[in-house]
Structures are given as C-alpha cells and as structure tokens.
C-alpha cells in the first residue's frame, strides 16, 4: 500500500519533533528517517482527529484484521494506559516488532505474549488461553487446535511448558499458528506492503539474528532508552505461585521426547 499524500507544513513540524525525540530508538530498529516518514504518513492518515493517537480498531479496519482476543492482545501490547490506542512511537515499535519477524521468530513472539510473568515458560492454563484466544469463535472448527488443547488439558505430570516445547507443538501441528501468520500478513499488506517489511526483516536478522529471538523491547532496552514501551498493567496476569521443581515439574526441552509419549 502506498505512503499517502505529502505532509503539510504542520505535519512536517510534528514529524521532525517526534523523530528527533525518538531518533535513537528508530536507529536501533534500523529505520531511516525516510522509513519513519513513510510510517508517519500512515499514522496521520489513521489519526483523522489529530489526537496523536491511533485506535487499535482503526489499525484492524485498515488491514482487514478481525478483532479477536488474540489480535487485541497482540496489538495492545504497548497500549500502556489501556486506551485502546497507541502513540506514533508505540505504533512504529508495534508494527516493526510483528512485521519483521521470520516464521520461526513469530512463534517466539506469540509465546512471549502469554508469558505474562516473564518466567520463560507458561503454565498450562496460559497455554490453553493462548490457543482459545488465537482461534476465538473458530476454535471448535479447527481440529488441530482442539487436539492440542485436549492434549495439554490431559497433561498430568507437568505444570509448565517452555518455548522449545511450544515450538515442538507448532512443528507437529503447523496450522496451529495460522491466526498469528494471518495477522502478520494482514499488517504487512495493509501498511506499506511486503517489499518494505521484507527489507526490514532482513535488516533485523543481520543486526540481531545472531543473538536469537530478541523482542523490540529488549533491543531498545539494550540501547539504554527510557522510551521503551512497557507492557501495560492490564496485559499482565497475576504471577502464578510456583511450587518446587520436585512437586511442580515443568515440561522443558530436555523432556520433550519422554513426555511426548504421554501425549
């Protein structure tokens, strides 16, 4: 999709101000001034009232994204004040964080959305919520989603699973991630198009791929910025009190082969 009309004098002044404020962040994300300007044109097209915020629902409408619990969670991750809207800085970080991810890294991203306490694993309840959120009303119609949900529900000897096990579930049930792949594809097509985001996906891999999956938050934090969007309070679940490993073993990657027999 194109970049829209030229900026007015007022918009140019506003752009210079916001670009100057967050230039270090944009540089960390390997975005040039021209790249940021393209995104700013989209932002002001969506911000019809000139409020400085864009509603999540308007992003969904532009990109043809159906609003589900999963898409709302994914797109509201930087909605720090629970307004259902994002600032331009949050808009850029949000889009960059999703649209530049590889297929495998998108699995890590989805896992991270539901790892609400940052423990690097998710409890079984969180895993079940993840699956039902992703499919929404279509959950009962997707056989793989229903089967994985049932398998997780029937796990008796574990209380948590880690990212490697989640990757294993996705590997053997590939369509499980279809809603996430679809969201990414719709955002890419709806905002600046494939050529723009493929180019930046390559830059992300070239700059940070050797370190494994790094979220935009981690990348910006490594640059020492105070403007890193924080996960809003309404996105954080209460931390689950974990028992000792003997009483509450997690399903880690070292146990995949052994535990897969029980599934």
Protein backbone atom coordinates (compact mmCIF):
# COMPACT_ATOMS: atom_id res chain seq x y z
CA UNK A 1 0.00 0.00 0.00
CA UNK A 2 1.31 3.46 -0.82
CA UNK A 3 2.61 6.05 1.55
CA UNK A 4 -0.22 8.52 1.13
CA UNK A 5 -0.09 12.19 0.25
CA UNK A 6 2.70 14.64 1.07
CA UNK A 7 2.93 16.03 4.57
CA UNK A 8 1.58 19.50 5.30
CA UNK A 9 3.81 22.12 6.92
CA UNK A 10 2.23 21.39 10.28
CA UNK A 11 2.70 17.66 9.85
CA UNK A 12 6.33 18.17 8.86
CA UNK A 13 6.98 20.15 12.05
CA UNK A 14 5.26 17.47 14.13
CA UNK A 15 7.23 14.75 12.38
CA UNK A 16 10.55 16.49 13.00
CA UNK A 17 9.69 16.81 16.67
CA UNK A 18 8.74 13.16 17.14
CA UNK A 19 11.60 11.89 15.00
CA UNK A 20 14.12 13.94 16.99
CA UNK A 21 12.70 12.68 20.28
CA UNK A 22 12.87 9.01 19.33
CA UNK A 23 15.67 9.02 16.76
CA UNK A 24 17.84 6.71 18.82
CA UNK A 25 15.03 4.17 19.09
CA UNK A 26 14.35 4.30 15.36
CA UNK A 27 18.06 3.85 14.66
CA UNK A 28 18.13 0.83 16.96
CA UNK A 29 15.37 -0.67 14.84
CA UNK A 30 17.41 0.14 11.71
CA UNK A 31 14.79 2.56 10.44
CA UNK A 32 15.99 5.52 8.40
CA UNK A 33 14.36 8.94 8.53
CA UNK A 34 12.64 8.18 5.21
CA UNK A 35 11.34 4.86 6.60
CA UNK A 36 9.93 6.60 9.66
CA UNK A 37 8.35 9.29 7.49
CA UNK A 38 6.52 6.63 5.45
CA UNK A 39 5.13 5.20 8.69
CA UNK A 40 4.23 8.66 9.93
CA UNK A 41 2.14 9.30 6.81
CA UNK A 42 0.16 6.15 7.55
CA UNK A 43 -0.21 7.19 11.18
CA UNK A 44 -1.65 10.64 10.39
CA UNK A 45 -3.99 9.10 7.82
CA UNK A 46 -5.38 6.93 10.62
CA UNK A 47 -5.34 9.73 13.19
CA UNK A 48 -8.09 11.73 11.48
CA UNK A 49 -8.75 13.89 14.55
CA UNK A 50 -5.10 14.81 15.03
CA UNK A 51 -5.17 13.49 18.59
CA UNK A 52 -1.69 11.99 18.48
CA UNK A 53 -3.19 8.53 18.99
CA UNK A 54 -4.39 5.83 16.61
CA UNK A 55 -7.08 3.42 17.74
CA UNK A 56 -6.28 -0.28 17.59
CA UNK A 57 -9.67 -0.81 15.94
CA UNK A 58 -8.67 1.60 13.14
CA UNK A 59 -5.48 -0.36 12.50
CA UNK A 60 -7.57 -3.52 12.30
CA UNK A 61 -10.04 -1.89 9.92
CA UNK A 62 -7.31 -0.62 7.60
CA UNK A 63 -5.63 -4.02 7.43
CA UNK A 64 -8.75 -6.18 7.38
CA UNK A 65 -7.88 -7.77 10.71
CA UNK A 66 -10.75 -9.44 12.54
CA UNK A 67 -10.72 -8.37 16.16
CA UNK A 68 -10.32 -11.40 18.41
CA UNK A 69 -8.91 -11.80 21.90
CA UNK A 70 -5.59 -12.75 20.31
CA UNK A 71 -5.36 -9.86 17.83
CA UNK A 72 -6.40 -7.38 20.52
CA UNK A 73 -3.72 -8.75 22.83
CA UNK A 74 -1.06 -8.64 20.12
CA UNK A 75 -1.92 -5.10 19.03
CA UNK A 76 -2.49 -3.72 22.54
CA UNK A 77 0.81 -4.84 23.99
CA UNK A 78 2.10 -1.24 24.05
CA UNK A 79 -1.22 0.38 24.99
CA UNK A 80 0.22 1.31 28.36
CA UNK A 81 -2.80 3.27 29.59
CA UNK A 82 -5.44 0.84 28.33
CA UNK A 83 -6.93 3.42 25.95
CA UNK A 84 -7.33 1.08 23.01
CA UNK A 85 -4.94 3.38 21.14
CA UNK A 86 -1.21 3.93 20.56
CA UNK A 87 1.08 6.91 20.05
CA UNK A 88 3.27 7.17 16.94
CA UNK A 89 6.31 5.79 18.75
CA UNK A 90 4.27 2.85 20.01
CA UNK A 91 2.76 2.41 16.54
CA UNK A 92 6.22 2.10 14.96
CA UNK A 93 7.58 -0.30 17.57
CA UNK A 94 4.41 -2.42 17.45
CA UNK A 95 4.45 -2.80 13.67
CA UNK A 96 8.20 -3.34 13.46
CA UNK A 97 8.09 -5.98 16.17
CA UNK A 98 5.48 -8.07 14.31
CA UNK A 99 6.06 -7.36 10.63
CA UNK A 100 9.81 -8.04 10.58
CA UNK A 101 9.64 -11.43 12.29
CA UNK A 102 10.56 -14.64 10.50
CA UNK A 103 8.16 -17.58 10.61
CA UNK A 104 10.06 -19.22 13.47
CA UNK A 105 10.55 -15.98 15.40
CA UNK A 106 6.81 -15.32 15.23
CA UNK A 107 6.35 -18.47 17.34
CA UNK A 108 8.62 -16.94 19.99
CA UNK A 109 6.65 -13.69 19.81
CA UNK A 110 3.31 -15.43 20.42
CA UNK A 111 4.78 -17.41 23.31
CA UNK A 112 6.12 -14.19 24.82
CA UNK A 113 2.67 -12.57 24.64
CA UNK A 114 1.36 -15.19 27.05
CA UNK A 115 4.46 -15.49 29.23
CA UNK A 116 2.93 -12.79 31.38
CA UNK A 117 5.35 -13.10 34.31
CA UNK A 118 8.50 -13.24 32.16
CA UNK A 119 9.47 -16.62 33.57
CA UNK A 120 10.41 -18.02 30.12
CA UNK A 121 7.75 -20.68 30.44
CA UNK A 122 3.97 -20.66 30.50
CA UNK A 123 1.74 -22.64 32.79
CA UNK A 124 -0.84 -24.96 31.30
CA UNK A 125 -3.67 -22.53 31.92
CA UNK A 126 -1.84 -19.83 29.96
CA UNK A 127 -1.19 -22.31 27.14
CA UNK A 128 -4.88 -23.18 26.92
CA UNK A 129 -5.85 -19.50 26.91
CA UNK A 130 -3.31 -18.89 24.11
CA UNK A 131 -4.93 -21.50 21.87
CA UNK A 132 -8.52 -20.47 22.50
CA UNK A 133 -7.65 -16.77 22.12
CA UNK A 134 -5.99 -17.37 18.76
CA UNK A 135 -8.99 -19.11 17.25
CA UNK A 136 -11.84 -17.38 19.02
CA UNK A 137 -15.21 -18.45 17.62
CA UNK A 138 -13.44 -20.71 15.10
CA UNK A 139 -11.73 -22.77 17.81
CA UNK A 140 -14.14 -25.71 17.72
CA UNK A 141 -13.81 -25.89 13.91
CA UNK A 142 -10.01 -26.34 13.89
CA UNK A 143 -9.18 -29.96 14.57
CA UNK A 144 -5.50 -29.35 15.33
CA UNK A 145 -6.31 -26.58 17.82
CA UNK A 146 -8.89 -28.76 19.54
CA UNK A 147 -6.49 -31.73 19.65
CA UNK A 148 -3.58 -29.73 21.09
CA UNK A 149 -5.93 -28.09 23.61
CA UNK A 150 -7.08 -31.56 24.68
CA UNK A 151 -3.52 -32.90 24.91
CA UNK A 152 -2.41 -30.01 27.08
CA UNK A 153 -5.51 -30.34 29.26
CA UNK A 154 -4.69 -34.01 29.87
CA UNK A 155 -1.07 -33.47 30.91
CA UNK A 156 -0.86 -34.82 34.44
CA UNK A 157 2.78 -34.68 35.49
CA UNK A 158 3.77 -31.17 34.42
CA UNK A 159 2.58 -27.68 35.24
CA UNK A 160 4.53 -25.56 32.74
CA UNK A 161 5.97 -25.76 29.22
CA UNK A 162 8.91 -23.81 27.81
CA UNK A 163 9.48 -22.22 24.41
CA UNK A 164 11.16 -25.31 22.96
CA UNK A 165 8.16 -27.45 23.76
CA UNK A 166 5.88 -24.81 22.29
CA UNK A 167 7.96 -24.92 19.10
CA UNK A 168 7.52 -28.70 19.14
CA UNK A 169 3.73 -28.36 19.32
CA UNK A 170 3.81 -25.93 16.39
CA UNK A 171 6.12 -28.20 14.37
CA UNK A 172 3.79 -31.17 14.62
CA UNK A 173 0.64 -29.04 14.37
CA UNK A 174 1.71 -26.40 11.85
CA UNK A 175 -1.69 -24.81 11.28
CA UNK A 176 -1.87 -24.01 14.99
CA UNK A 177 -0.12 -20.71 14.24
CA UNK A 178 -2.30 -19.75 11.27
CA UNK A 179 -4.05 -16.87 13.12
CA UNK A 180 -0.66 -15.35 14.00
CA UNK A 181 0.70 -15.78 10.48
CA UNK A 182 -2.51 -14.27 9.16
CA UNK A 183 -2.26 -11.25 11.45
CA UNK A 184 1.30 -10.59 10.35
CA UNK A 185 0.40 -10.93 6.67
CA UNK A 186 -2.57 -8.55 7.00
CA UNK A 187 -0.50 -5.92 8.79
CA UNK A 188 2.25 -6.17 6.16
CA UNK A 189 -0.19 -5.88 3.26
CA UNK A 190 -2.20 -3.11 4.91
CA UNK A 191 0.71 -0.90 5.98
CA UNK A 192 3.46 -0.14 3.44
CA UNK A 193 3.49 -3.58 1.85
CA UNK A 194 5.69 -6.66 1.57
CA UNK A 195 8.73 -5.04 -0.07
CA UNK A 196 9.09 -2.55 2.80
CA UNK A 197 8.80 -5.13 5.57
CA UNK A 198 10.85 -7.87 3.89
CA UNK A 199 13.70 -5.38 3.59
CA UNK A 200 13.45 -4.55 7.29
CA UNK A 201 13.08 -8.19 8.23
CA UNK A 202 16.47 -8.81 6.60
CA UNK A 203 17.94 -5.86 8.49
CA UNK A 204 16.60 -7.28 11.76
CA UNK A 205 18.23 -10.64 11.10
CA UNK A 206 21.51 -9.04 10.01
CA UNK A 207 21.64 -6.84 13.11
CA UNK A 208 20.24 -9.10 15.82
CA UNK A 209 19.69 -12.60 14.40
CA UNK A 210 22.91 -13.99 15.86
CA UNK A 211 21.53 -13.37 19.35
CA UNK A 212 18.44 -15.49 18.80
CA UNK A 213 14.98 -14.01 19.24
CA UNK A 214 15.06 -10.51 20.67
CA UNK A 215 11.86 -8.52 21.06
CA UNK A 216 11.74 -4.82 20.23
CA UNK A 217 11.64 -4.15 23.97
CA UNK A 218 14.93 -5.98 24.51
CA UNK A 219 16.57 -4.28 21.55
CA UNK A 220 15.55 -0.80 22.67
CA UNK A 221 16.47 -1.51 26.28
CA UNK A 222 19.95 -2.56 25.15
CA UNK A 223 20.34 0.94 23.70
CA UNK A 224 19.60 2.45 27.07
CA UNK A 225 16.43 4.30 26.07
CA UNK A 226 13.88 5.29 28.67
CA UNK A 227 11.21 5.36 26.00
CA UNK A 228 10.86 1.60 25.73
CA UNK A 229 7.11 0.90 25.64
CA UNK A 230 6.17 -1.04 28.74
CA UNK A 231 3.75 -3.92 28.86
CA UNK A 232 0.59 -2.29 30.27
CA UNK A 233 -0.80 -3.40 33.59
CA UNK A 234 -3.99 -4.74 32.03
CA UNK A 235 -1.91 -7.17 29.92
CA UNK A 236 -0.17 -8.67 32.92
CA UNK A 237 -1.74 -11.64 34.65
CA UNK A 238 -1.10 -12.28 38.29
CA UNK A 239 2.03 -14.29 38.74
CA UNK A 240 1.31 -17.93 39.37
CA UNK A 241 2.83 -19.14 42.58
CA UNK A 242 5.16 -21.94 41.58
CA UNK A 243 5.89 -24.93 43.78
CA UNK A 244 9.30 -26.61 43.96
CA UNK A 245 10.53 -28.41 40.85
CA UNK A 246 10.01 -31.78 42.55
CA UNK A 247 6.32 -31.06 43.15
CA UNK A 248 5.72 -28.90 40.08
CA UNK A 249 7.98 -30.04 37.23
CA UNK A 250 7.98 -28.03 34.03
CA UNK A 251 7.87 -29.55 30.60
CA UNK A 252 11.24 -28.37 29.33
CA UNK A 253 13.03 -29.21 26.10
CA UNK A 254 15.06 -31.91 27.81
CA UNK A 255 11.84 -33.80 28.49
CA UNK A 256 10.21 -33.49 25.07
CA UNK A 257 10.95 -37.00 23.87
CA UNK A 258 9.97 -38.61 27.15
CA UNK A 259 6.84 -36.55 27.65
CA UNK A 260 5.69 -36.74 24.03
CA UNK A 261 4.94 -40.42 24.62
CA UNK A 262 2.44 -39.41 27.29
CA UNK A 263 0.61 -37.03 24.92
